[in-house]
Amino acid sequence: MDETKREEIAGRLRAAREQAGLSQGQVARILDYQRPTISEIEAGRRKTSAEEIARLAEIYDVSIDWLINDKAAMTDPKVELAARELGKLKSDDLEMVLKLLRTLKKK
């Protein structure tokens, strides 16, 4: 894997962890790793196995495809994560968020 690809995956891993509301320390405890290991993964300085990617996708509630797919790199990770979170809302709550977004867009 080339360095650019590893950095793209690292960025999506970091974005997914943040969206999941987890600290590096919390993820390290879940995986029984040291916190610096998570930091190294998110910085793209540590190679990550397929098993680790699968486990991180499960922890962060994102797809493996989103974490590693080149096409996903063309979309802002924050937008992808926001869309996933919006998909989990009840209909009434989603309508309220959309109304808020329309109001913000007008400003």
PDB file of N, CA and C in Angstrom:
ATOM      1  N   MET A   1       0.855  -1.173   0.000  1.00  0.00           N
ATOM      2  CA  MET A   1       0.000   0.000   0.000  1.00  0.00           C
ATOM      3  C   MET A   1       0.900   1.235   0.000  1.00  0.00           C
ATOM      4  N   ASP A   2       0.598   2.187  -0.897  1.00  0.00           N
ATOM      5  CA  ASP A   2       1.434   3.378  -0.947  1.00  0.00           C
ATOM      6  C   ASP A   2       1.087   4.336   0.191  1.00  0.00           C
ATOM      7  N   GLU A   3       1.962   5.295   0.393  1.00  0.00           N
ATOM      8  CA  GLU A   3       1.823   6.207   1.534  1.00  0.00           C
ATOM      9  C   GLU A   3       0.554   7.048   1.452  1.00  0.00           C
ATOM     10  N   THR A   4       0.199   7.506   0.260  1.00  0.00           N
ATOM     11  CA  THR A   4      -1.002   8.322   0.101  1.00  0.00           C
ATOM     12  C   THR A   4      -2.246   7.551   0.505  1.00  0.00           C
ATOM     13  N   LYS A   5      -2.340   6.313   0.064  1.00  0.00           N
ATOM     14  CA  LYS A   5      -3.495   5.475   0.399  1.00  0.00           C
ATOM     15  C   LYS A   5      -3.572   5.262   1.911  1.00  0.00           C
ATOM     16  N   ARG A   6      -2.427   4.980   2.545  1.00  0.00           N
ATOM     17  CA  ARG A   6      -2.397   4.764   3.993  1.00  0.00           C
ATOM     18  C   ARG A   6      -2.851   6.032   4.730  1.00  0.00           C
ATOM     19  N   GLU A   7      -2.450   7.207   4.233  1.00  0.00           N
ATOM     20  CA  GLU A   7      -2.857   8.465   4.851  1.00  0.00           C
ATOM     21  C   GLU A   7      -4.359   8.704   4.690  1.00  0.00           C
ATOM     22  N   GLU A   8      -4.925   8.338   3.533  1.00  0.00           N
ATOM     23  CA  GLU A   8      -6.365   8.489   3.315  1.00  0.00           C
ATOM     24  C   GLU A   8      -7.144   7.613   4.292  1.00  0.00           C
ATOM     25  N   ILE A   9      -6.711   6.366   4.425  1.00  0.00           N
ATOM     26  CA  ILE A   9      -7.374   5.446   5.347  1.00  0.00           C
ATOM     27  C   ILE A   9      -7.220   5.952   6.778  1.00  0.00           C
ATOM     28  N   ALA A  10      -6.037   6.425   7.121  1.00  0.00           N
ATOM     29  CA  ALA A  10      -5.790   6.952   8.466  1.00  0.00           C
ATOM     30  C   ALA A  10      -6.725   8.118   8.769  1.00  0.00           C
ATOM     31  N   GLY A  11      -6.922   8.998   7.812  1.00  0.00           N
ATOM     32  CA  GLY A  11      -7.814  10.137   8.000  1.00  0.00           C
ATOM     33  C   GLY A  11      -9.258   9.705   8.212  1.00  0.00           C
ATOM     34  N   ARG A  12      -9.683   8.700   7.453  1.00  0.00           N
ATOM     35  CA  ARG A  12     -11.053   8.210   7.630  1.00  0.00           C
ATOM     36  C   ARG A  12     -11.204   7.489   8.967  1.00  0.00           C
ATOM     37  N   LEU A  13     -10.178   6.785   9.401  1.00  0.00           N
ATOM     38  CA  LEU A  13     -10.230   6.136  10.713  1.00  0.00           C
ATOM     39  C   LEU A  13     -10.362   7.174  11.823  1.00  0.00           C
ATOM     40  N   ARG A  14      -9.599   8.228  11.726  1.00  0.00           N
ATOM     41  CA  ARG A  14      -9.664   9.297  12.729  1.00  0.00           C
ATOM     42  C   ARG A  14     -11.053   9.950  12.711  1.00  0.00           C
ATOM     43  N   ALA A  15     -11.557  10.279  11.516  1.00  0.00           N
ATOM     44  CA  ALA A  15     -12.879  10.906  11.405  1.00  0.00           C
ATOM     45  C   ALA A  15     -13.971   9.997  11.960  1.00  0.00           C
ATOM     46  N   ALA A  16     -13.881   8.706  11.668  1.00  0.00           N
ATOM     47  CA  ALA A  16     -14.888   7.757  12.151  1.00  0.00           C
ATOM     48  C   ALA A  16     -14.847   7.643  13.672  1.00  0.00           C
ATOM     49  N   ARG A  17     -13.634   7.617  14.237  1.00  0.00           N
ATOM     50  CA  ARG A  17     -13.513   7.542  15.703  1.00  0.00           C
ATOM     51  C   ARG A  17     -14.121   8.779  16.349  1.00  0.00           C
ATOM     52  N   GLU A  18     -13.797   9.945  15.803  1.00  0.00           N
ATOM     53  CA  GLU A  18     -14.320  11.188  16.370  1.00  0.00           C
ATOM     54  C   GLU A  18     -15.842  11.228  16.264  1.00  0.00           C
ATOM     55  N   GLN A  19     -16.378  10.805  15.114  1.00  0.00           N
ATOM     56  CA  GLN A  19     -17.830  10.793  14.937  1.00  0.00           C
ATOM     57  C   GLN A  19     -18.492   9.814  15.905  1.00  0.00           C
ATOM     58  N   ALA A  20     -17.800   8.735  16.196  1.00  0.00           N
ATOM     59  CA  ALA A  20     -18.331   7.747  17.147  1.00  0.00           C
ATOM     60  C   ALA A  20     -18.248   8.260  18.585  1.00  0.00           C
ATOM     61  N   GLY A  21     -17.568   9.385  18.784  1.00  0.00           N
ATOM     62  CA  GLY A  21     -17.479   9.973  20.119  1.00  0.00           C
ATOM     63  C   GLY A  21     -16.515   9.236  21.034  1.00  0.00           C
ATOM     64  N   LEU A  22     -15.515   8.607  20.445  1.00  0.00           N
ATOM     65  CA  LEU A  22     -14.547   7.835  21.225  1.00  0.00           C
ATOM     66  C   LEU A  22     -13.182   8.508  21.224  1.00  0.00           C
ATOM     67  N   SER A  23     -12.475   8.381  22.325  1.00  0.00           N
ATOM     68  CA  SER A  23     -11.099   8.875  22.388  1.00  0.00           C
ATOM     69  C   SER A  23     -10.161   7.764  21.909  1.00  0.00           C
ATOM     70  N   GLN A  24      -8.947   8.136  21.610  1.00  0.00           N
ATOM     71  CA  GLN A  24      -7.951   7.123  21.240  1.00  0.00           C
ATOM     72  C   GLN A  24      -7.755   6.137  22.381  1.00  0.00           C
ATOM     73  N   GLY A  25      -7.774   6.634  23.605  1.00  0.00           N
ATOM     74  CA  GLY A  25      -7.611   5.765  24.768  1.00  0.00           C
ATOM     75  C   GLY A  25      -8.733   4.747  24.890  1.00  0.00           C
ATOM     76  N   GLN A  26      -9.958   5.179  24.632  1.00  0.00           N
ATOM     77  CA  GLN A  26     -11.089   4.256  24.708  1.00  0.00           C
ATOM     78  C   GLN A  26     -10.972   3.154  23.654  1.00  0.00           C
ATOM     79  N   VAL A  27     -10.600   3.537  22.440  1.00  0.00           N
ATOM     80  CA  VAL A  27     -10.448   2.546  21.370  1.00  0.00           C
ATOM     81  C   VAL A  27      -9.315   1.587  21.714  1.00  0.00           C
ATOM     82  N   ALA A  28      -8.235   2.122  22.259  1.00  0.00           N
ATOM     83  CA  ALA A  28      -7.105   1.272  22.654  1.00  0.00           C
ATOM     84  C   ALA A  28      -7.547   0.241  23.696  1.00  0.00           C
ATOM     85  N   ARG A  29      -8.347   0.664  24.660  1.00  0.00           N
ATOM     86  CA  ARG A  29      -8.831  -0.279  25.683  1.00  0.00           C
ATOM     87  C   ARG A  29      -9.727  -1.352  25.066  1.00  0.00           C
ATOM     88  N   ILE A  30     -10.600  -0.965  24.151  1.00  0.00           N
ATOM     89  CA  ILE A  30     -11.480  -1.932  23.494  1.00  0.00           C
ATOM     90  C   ILE A  30     -10.670  -2.992  22.759  1.00  0.00           C
ATOM     91  N   LEU A  31      -9.598  -2.550  22.087  1.00  0.00           N
ATOM     92  CA  LEU A  31      -8.769  -3.460  21.290  1.00  0.00           C
ATOM     93  C   LEU A  31      -7.639  -4.098  22.088  1.00  0.00           C
ATOM     94  N   ASP A  32      -7.493  -3.698  23.344  1.00  0.00           N
ATOM     95  CA  ASP A  32      -6.390  -4.157  24.190  1.00  0.00           C
ATOM     96  C   ASP A  32      -5.035  -3.766  23.594  1.00  0.00           C
ATOM     97  N   TYR A  33      -4.963  -2.494  23.122  1.00  0.00           N
ATOM     98  CA  TYR A  33      -3.737  -1.902  22.594  1.00  0.00           C
ATOM     99  C   TYR A  33      -3.310  -0.781  23.540  1.00  0.00           C
ATOM    100  N   GLN A  34      -2.117  -0.276  23.308  1.00  0.00           N
ATOM    101  CA  GLN A  34      -1.668   0.938  23.973  1.00  0.00           C
ATOM    102  C   GLN A  34      -2.199   2.134  23.179  1.00  0.00           C
ATOM    103  N   ARG A  35      -2.512   3.246  23.842  1.00  0.00           N
ATOM    104  CA  ARG A  35      -3.041   4.417  23.144  1.00  0.00           C
ATOM    105  C   ARG A  35      -2.143   4.913  22.017  1.00  0.00           C
ATOM    106  N   PRO A  36      -0.811   4.919  22.178  1.00  0.00           N
ATOM    107  CA  PRO A  36       0.033   5.374  21.073  1.00  0.00           C
ATOM    108  C   PRO A  36      -0.128   4.546  19.789  1.00  0.00           C
ATOM    109  N   THR A  37      -0.555   3.289  19.928  1.00  0.00           N
ATOM    110  CA  THR A  37      -0.785   2.461  18.747  1.00  0.00           C
ATOM    111  C   THR A  37      -1.904   3.055  17.902  1.00  0.00           C
ATOM    112  N   ILE A  38      -2.969   3.512  18.540  1.00  0.00           N
ATOM    113  CA  ILE A  38      -4.085   4.123  17.820  1.00  0.00           C
ATOM    114  C   ILE A  38      -3.625   5.429  17.174  1.00  0.00           C
ATOM    115  N   SER A  39      -2.819   6.182  17.883  1.00  0.00           N
ATOM    116  CA  SER A  39      -2.262   7.420  17.344  1.00  0.00           C
ATOM    117  C   SER A  39      -1.424   7.143  16.096  1.00  0.00           C
ATOM    118  N   GLU A  40      -0.606   6.119  16.142  1.00  0.00           N
ATOM    119  CA  GLU A  40       0.232   5.747  14.999  1.00  0.00           C
ATOM    120  C   GLU A  40      -0.615   5.299  13.803  1.00  0.00           C
ATOM    121  N   ILE A  41      -1.687   4.557  14.061  1.00  0.00           N
ATOM    122  CA  ILE A  41      -2.590   4.124  12.989  1.00  0.00           C
ATOM    123  C   ILE A  41      -3.236   5.342  12.343  1.00  0.00           C
ATOM    124  N   GLU A  42      -3.735   6.262  13.163  1.00  0.00           N
ATOM    125  CA  GLU A  42      -4.421   7.438  12.649  1.00  0.00           C
ATOM    126  C   GLU A  42      -3.478   8.426  11.967  1.00  0.00           C
ATOM    127  N   ALA A  43      -2.203   8.339  12.263  1.00  0.00           N
ATOM    128  CA  ALA A  43      -1.215   9.191  11.598  1.00  0.00           C
ATOM    129  C   ALA A  43      -0.704   8.550  10.313  1.00  0.00           C
ATOM    130  N   GLY A  44      -1.102   7.306  10.074  1.00  0.00           N
ATOM    131  CA  GLY A  44      -0.655   6.605   8.879  1.00  0.00           C
ATOM    132  C   GLY A  44       0.758   6.071   8.979  1.00  0.00           C
ATOM    133  N   ARG A  45       1.305   6.021  10.183  1.00  0.00           N
ATOM    134  CA  ARG A  45       2.677   5.543  10.371  1.00  0.00           C
ATOM    135  C   ARG A  45       2.745   4.061  10.718  1.00  0.00           C
ATOM    136  N   ARG A  46       1.604   3.441  10.943  1.00  0.00           N
ATOM    137  CA  ARG A  46       1.563   2.019  11.283  1.00  0.00           C
ATOM    138  C   ARG A  46       0.654   1.301  10.308  1.00  0.00           C
ATOM    139  N   LYS A  47       1.154   0.227   9.738  1.00  0.00           N
ATOM    140  CA  LYS A  47       0.332  -0.580   8.847  1.00  0.00           C
ATOM    141  C   LYS A  47      -0.752  -1.255   9.674  1.00  0.00           C
ATOM    142  N   THR A  48      -1.930  -1.379   9.068  1.00  0.00           N
ATOM    143  CA  THR A  48      -3.076  -1.946   9.759  1.00  0.00           C
ATOM    144  C   THR A  48      -3.536  -3.187   9.010  1.00  0.00           C
ATOM    145  N   SER A  49      -3.740  -4.264   9.742  1.00  0.00           N
ATOM    146  CA  SER A  49      -4.157  -5.522   9.113  1.00  0.00           C
ATOM    147  C   SER A  49      -5.634  -5.471   8.732  1.00  0.00           C
ATOM    148  N   ALA A  50      -6.034  -6.381   7.886  1.00  0.00           N
ATOM    149  CA  ALA A  50      -7.444  -6.488   7.486  1.00  0.00           C
ATOM    150  C   ALA A  50      -8.321  -6.746   8.706  1.00  0.00           C
ATOM    151  N   GLU A  51      -7.834  -7.556   9.623  1.00  0.00           N
ATOM    152  CA  GLU A  51      -8.601  -7.844  10.829  1.00  0.00           C
ATOM    153  C   GLU A  51      -8.792  -6.591  11.676  1.00  0.00           C
ATOM    154  N   GLU A  52      -7.749  -5.769  11.769  1.00  0.00           N
ATOM    155  CA  GLU A  52      -7.854  -4.530  12.543  1.00  0.00           C
ATOM    156  C   GLU A  52      -8.838  -3.558  11.880  1.00  0.00           C
ATOM    157  N   ILE A  53      -8.760  -3.450  10.562  1.00  0.00           N
ATOM    158  CA  ILE A  53      -9.689  -2.576   9.834  1.00  0.00           C
ATOM    159  C   ILE A  53     -11.129  -3.034  10.081  1.00  0.00           C
ATOM    160  N   ALA A  54     -11.357  -4.345  10.009  1.00  0.00           N
ATOM    161  CA  ALA A  54     -12.701  -4.889  10.221  1.00  0.00           C
ATOM    162  C   ALA A  54     -13.184  -4.587  11.636  1.00  0.00           C
ATOM    163  N   ARG A  55     -12.326  -4.744  12.604  1.00  0.00           N
ATOM    164  CA  ARG A  55     -12.702  -4.495  14.000  1.00  0.00           C
ATOM    165  C   ARG A  55     -12.981  -3.009  14.230  1.00  0.00           C
ATOM    166  N   LEU A  56     -12.135  -2.144  13.657  1.00  0.00           N
ATOM    167  CA  LEU A  56     -12.347  -0.703  13.803  1.00  0.00           C
ATOM    168  C   LEU A  56     -13.650  -0.275  13.128  1.00  0.00           C
ATOM    169  N   ALA A  57     -13.947  -0.833  11.969  1.00  0.00           N
ATOM    170  CA  ALA A  57     -15.211  -0.523  11.285  1.00  0.00           C
ATOM    171  C   ALA A  57     -16.392  -0.904  12.165  1.00  0.00           C
ATOM    172  N   GLU A  58     -16.286  -2.031  12.825  1.00  0.00           N
ATOM    173  CA  GLU A  58     -17.357  -2.484  13.727  1.00  0.00           C
ATOM    174  C   GLU A  58     -17.499  -1.535  14.920  1.00  0.00           C
ATOM    175  N   ILE A  59     -16.391  -1.171  15.523  1.00  0.00           N
ATOM    176  CA  ILE A  59     -16.406  -0.274  16.685  1.00  0.00           C
ATOM    177  C   ILE A  59     -16.985   1.088  16.312  1.00  0.00           C
ATOM    178  N   TYR A  60     -16.611   1.596  15.134  1.00  0.00           N
ATOM    179  CA  TYR A  60     -17.026   2.928  14.713  1.00  0.00           C
ATOM    180  C   TYR A  60     -18.369   2.929  13.981  1.00  0.00           C
ATOM    181  N   ASP A  61     -18.913   1.745  13.741  1.00  0.00           N
ATOM    182  CA  ASP A  61     -20.196   1.617  13.038  1.00  0.00           C
ATOM    183  C   ASP A  61     -20.146   2.237  11.643  1.00  0.00           C
ATOM    184  N   VAL A  62     -19.068   1.917  10.920  1.00  0.00           N
ATOM    185  CA  VAL A  62     -18.921   2.325   9.523  1.00  0.00           C
ATOM    186  C   VAL A  62     -18.598   1.071   8.710  1.00  0.00           C
ATOM    187  N   SER A  63     -18.740   1.177   7.397  1.00  0.00           N
ATOM    188  CA  SER A  63     -18.431   0.015   6.561  1.00  0.00           C
ATOM    189  C   SER A  63     -16.926  -0.070   6.298  1.00  0.00           C
ATOM    190  N   ILE A  64     -16.471  -1.269   6.119  1.00  0.00           N
ATOM    191  CA  ILE A  64     -15.069  -1.479   5.735  1.00  0.00           C
ATOM    192  C   ILE A  64     -14.804  -0.788   4.412  1.00  0.00           C
ATOM    193  N   ASP A  65     -15.772  -0.889   3.499  1.00  0.00           N
ATOM    194  CA  ASP A  65     -15.638  -0.269   2.185  1.00  0.00           C
ATOM    195  C   ASP A  65     -15.400   1.230   2.313  1.00  0.00           C
ATOM    196  N   TRP A  66     -16.136   1.882   3.209  1.00  0.00           N
ATOM    197  CA  TRP A  66     -15.945   3.320   3.390  1.00  0.00           C
ATOM    198  C   TRP A  66     -14.535   3.627   3.888  1.00  0.00           C
ATOM    199  N   LEU A  67     -14.008   2.771   4.762  1.00  0.00           N
ATOM    200  CA  LEU A  67     -12.671   3.016   5.305  1.00  0.00           C
ATOM    201  C   LEU A  67     -11.572   2.851   4.259  1.00  0.00           C
ATOM    202  N   ILE A  68     -11.732   1.909   3.337  1.00  0.00           N
ATOM    203  CA  ILE A  68     -10.613   1.600   2.433  1.00  0.00           C
ATOM    204  C   ILE A  68     -10.833   1.939   0.971  1.00  0.00           C
ATOM    205  N   ASN A  69     -12.052   2.258   0.573  1.00  0.00           N
ATOM    206  CA  ASN A  69     -12.360   2.457  -0.834  1.00  0.00           C
ATOM    207  C   ASN A  69     -11.851   3.790  -1.349  1.00  0.00           C
ATOM    208  N   ASP A  70     -11.147   3.765  -2.470  1.00  0.00           N
ATOM    209  CA  ASP A  70     -10.644   4.988  -3.092  1.00  0.00           C
ATOM    210  C   ASP A  70     -11.763   5.961  -3.421  1.00  0.00           C
ATOM    211  N   LYS A  71     -12.911   5.446  -3.875  1.00  0.00           N
ATOM    212  CA  LYS A  71     -14.019   6.326  -4.243  1.00  0.00           C
ATOM    213  C   LYS A  71     -14.486   7.134  -3.047  1.00  0.00           C
ATOM    214  N   ALA A  72     -14.442   6.541  -1.875  1.00  0.00           N
ATOM    215  CA  ALA A  72     -14.876   7.250  -0.670  1.00  0.00           C
ATOM    216  C   ALA A  72     -13.964   8.432  -0.375  1.00  0.00           C
ATOM    217  N   ALA A  73     -12.714   8.382  -0.821  1.00  0.00           N
ATOM    218  CA  ALA A  73     -11.782   9.476  -0.569  1.00  0.00           C
ATOM    219  C   ALA A  73     -12.205  10.741  -1.295  1.00  0.00           C
ATOM    220  N   MET A  74     -13.037  10.611  -2.350  1.00  0.00           N
ATOM    221  CA  MET A  74     -13.485  11.780  -3.097  1.00  0.00           C
ATOM    222  C   MET A  74     -14.588  12.525  -2.362  1.00  0.00           C
ATOM    223  N   THR A  75     -15.176  11.921  -1.354  1.00  0.00           N
ATOM    224  CA  THR A  75     -16.241  12.533  -0.584  1.00  0.00           C
ATOM    225  C   THR A  75     -15.675  12.920   0.781  1.00  0.00           C
ATOM    226  N   ASP A  76     -16.092  14.063   1.256  1.00  0.00           N
ATOM    227  CA  ASP A  76     -15.646  14.521   2.563  1.00  0.00           C
ATOM    228  C   ASP A  76     -16.098  13.518   3.621  1.00  0.00           C
ATOM    229  N   PRO A  77     -15.174  12.976   4.411  1.00  0.00           N
ATOM    230  CA  PRO A  77     -15.548  11.992   5.432  1.00  0.00           C
ATOM    231  C   PRO A  77     -16.595  12.505   6.413  1.00  0.00           C
ATOM    232  N   LYS A  78     -16.572  13.802   6.699  1.00  0.00           N
ATOM    233  CA  LYS A  78     -17.552  14.367   7.624  1.00  0.00           C
ATOM    234  C   LYS A  78     -18.959  14.273   7.034  1.00  0.00           C
ATOM    235  N   VAL A  79     -19.069  14.478   5.720  1.00  0.00           N
ATOM    236  CA  VAL A  79     -20.374  14.384   5.062  1.00  0.00           C
ATOM    237  C   VAL A  79     -20.863  12.941   5.091  1.00  0.00           C
ATOM    238  N   GLU A  80     -19.975  12.002   4.810  1.00  0.00           N
ATOM    239  CA  GLU A  80     -20.336  10.583   4.840  1.00  0.00           C
ATOM    240  C   GLU A  80     -20.821  10.180   6.237  1.00  0.00           C
ATOM    241  N   LEU A  81     -20.091  10.594   7.245  1.00  0.00           N
ATOM    242  CA  LEU A  81     -20.460  10.237   8.613  1.00  0.00           C
ATOM    243  C   LEU A  81     -21.766  10.919   9.032  1.00  0.00           C
ATOM    244  N   ALA A  82     -21.948  12.168   8.627  1.00  0.00           N
ATOM    245  CA  ALA A  82     -23.191  12.870   8.955  1.00  0.00           C
ATOM    246  C   ALA A  82     -24.381  12.168   8.309  1.00  0.00           C
ATOM    247  N   ALA A  83     -24.214  11.737   7.071  1.00  0.00           N
ATOM    248  CA  ALA A  83     -25.304  11.043   6.380  1.00  0.00           C
ATOM    249  C   ALA A  83     -25.672   9.753   7.110  1.00  0.00           C
ATOM    250  N   ARG A  84     -24.680   9.023   7.570  1.00  0.00           N
ATOM    251  CA  ARG A  84     -24.964   7.790   8.312  1.00  0.00           C
ATOM    252  C   ARG A  84     -25.726   8.084   9.599  1.00  0.00           C
ATOM    253  N   GLU A  85     -25.299   9.132  10.299  1.00  0.00           N
ATOM    254  CA  GLU A  85     -25.967   9.480  11.553  1.00  0.00           C
ATOM    255  C   GLU A  85     -27.396   9.957  11.299  1.00  0.00           C
ATOM    256  N   LEU A  86     -27.594  10.741  10.245  1.00  0.00           N
ATOM    257  CA  LEU A  86     -28.940  11.208   9.915  1.00  0.00           C
ATOM    258  C   LEU A  86     -29.859  10.042   9.581  1.00  0.00           C
ATOM    259  N   GLY A  87     -29.308   9.006   8.961  1.00  0.00           N
ATOM    260  CA  GLY A  87     -30.090   7.829   8.608  1.00  0.00           C
ATOM    261  C   GLY A  87     -30.609   7.074   9.819  1.00  0.00           C
ATOM    262  N   LYS A  88     -30.040   7.315  10.974  1.00  0.00           N
ATOM    263  CA  LYS A  88     -30.452   6.629  12.198  1.00  0.00           C
ATOM    264  C   LYS A  88     -31.581   7.363  12.942  1.00  0.00           C
ATOM    265  N   LEU A  89     -31.877   8.596  12.494  1.00  0.00           N
ATOM    266  CA  LEU A  89     -32.874   9.398  13.202  1.00  0.00           C
ATOM    267  C   LEU A  89     -34.293   8.939  12.888  1.00  0.00           C
ATOM    268  N   LYS A  90     -35.187   9.189  13.845  1.00  0.00           N
ATOM    269  CA  LYS A  90     -36.614   8.970  13.619  1.00  0.00           C
ATOM    270  C   LYS A  90     -37.089  10.023  12.624  1.00  0.00           C
ATOM    271  N   SER A  91     -38.169   9.749  11.936  1.00  0.00           N
ATOM    272  CA  SER A  91     -38.681  10.630  10.891  1.00  0.00           C
ATOM    273  C   SER A  91     -38.906  12.065  11.384  1.00  0.00           C
ATOM    274  N   ASP A  92     -39.532  12.207  12.537  1.00  0.00           N
ATOM    275  CA  ASP A  92     -39.806  13.552  13.070  1.00  0.00           C
ATOM    276  C   ASP A  92     -38.515  14.301  13.394  1.00  0.00           C
ATOM    277  N   ASP A  93     -37.544  13.591  13.961  1.00  0.00           N
ATOM    278  CA  ASP A  93     -36.260  14.210  14.298  1.00  0.00           C
ATOM    279  C   ASP A  93     -35.506  14.610  13.031  1.00  0.00           C
ATOM    280  N   LEU A  94     -35.566  13.772  12.011  1.00  0.00           N
ATOM    281  CA  LEU A  94     -34.898  14.079  10.749  1.00  0.00           C
ATOM    282  C   LEU A  94     -35.520  15.323  10.118  1.00  0.00           C
ATOM    283  N   GLU A  95     -36.825  15.414  10.160  1.00  0.00           N
ATOM    284  CA  GLU A  95     -37.503  16.591   9.600  1.00  0.00           C
ATOM    285  C   GLU A  95     -37.076  17.858  10.333  1.00  0.00           C
ATOM    286  N   MET A  96     -36.904  17.774  11.650  1.00  0.00           N
ATOM    287  CA  MET A  96     -36.468  18.921  12.436  1.00  0.00           C
ATOM    288  C   MET A  96     -35.044  19.342  12.034  1.00  0.00           C
ATOM    289  N   VAL A  97     -34.162  18.376  11.831  1.00  0.00           N
ATOM    290  CA  VAL A  97     -32.792  18.675  11.413  1.00  0.00           C
ATOM    291  C   VAL A  97     -32.791  19.308  10.026  1.00  0.00           C
ATOM    292  N   LEU A  98     -33.589  18.778   9.115  1.00  0.00           N
ATOM    293  CA  LEU A  98     -33.659  19.340   7.760  1.00  0.00           C
ATOM    294  C   LEU A  98     -34.183  20.768   7.784  1.00  0.00           C
ATOM    295  N   LYS A  99     -35.163  21.043   8.646  1.00  0.00           N
ATOM    296  CA  LYS A  99     -35.685  22.400   8.783  1.00  0.00           C
ATOM    297  C   LYS A  99     -34.587  23.338   9.283  1.00  0.00           C
ATOM    298  N   LEU A 100     -33.818  22.874  10.252  1.00  0.00           N
ATOM    299  CA  LEU A 100     -32.702  23.667  10.772  1.00  0.00           C
ATOM    300  C   LEU A 100     -31.671  23.939   9.669  1.00  0.00           C
ATOM    301  N   LEU A 101     -31.361  22.927   8.884  1.00  0.00           N
ATOM    302  CA  LEU A 101     -30.391  23.099   7.792  1.00  0.00           C
ATOM    303  C   LEU A 101     -30.887  24.110   6.766  1.00  0.00           C
ATOM    304  N   ARG A 102     -32.178  24.051   6.434  1.00  0.00           N
ATOM    305  CA  ARG A 102     -32.734  25.023   5.480  1.00  0.00           C
ATOM    306  C   ARG A 102     -32.621  26.437   6.035  1.00  0.00           C
ATOM    307  N   THR A 103     -32.861  26.588   7.338  1.00  0.00           N
ATOM    308  CA  THR A 103     -32.756  27.903   7.978  1.00  0.00           C
ATOM    309  C   THR A 103     -31.308  28.410   7.921  1.00  0.00           C
ATOM    310  N   LEU A 104     -30.357  27.533   8.225  1.00  0.00           N
ATOM    311  CA  LEU A 104     -28.950  27.934   8.186  1.00  0.00           C
ATOM    312  C   LEU A 104     -28.498  28.280   6.780  1.00  0.00           C
ATOM    313  N   LYS A 105     -29.006  27.577   5.801  1.00  0.00           N
ATOM    314  CA  LYS A 105     -28.626  27.807   4.406  1.00  0.00           C
ATOM    315  C   LYS A 105     -29.079  29.183   3.938  1.00  0.00           C
ATOM    316  N   LYS A 106     -30.224  29.660   4.438  1.00  0.00           N
ATOM    317  CA  LYS A 106     -30.759  30.961   4.047  1.00  0.00           C
ATOM    318  C   LYS A 106     -29.906  32.108   4.552  1.00  0.00           C
ATOM    319  N   LYS A 107     -29.173  31.876   5.634  1.00  0.00           N
ATOM    320  CA  LYS A 107     -28.370  32.961   6.250  1.00  0.00           C
ATOM    321  C   LYS A 107     -27.163  33.272   5.457  1.00  0.00           C
TER     322      LYS A 107
END
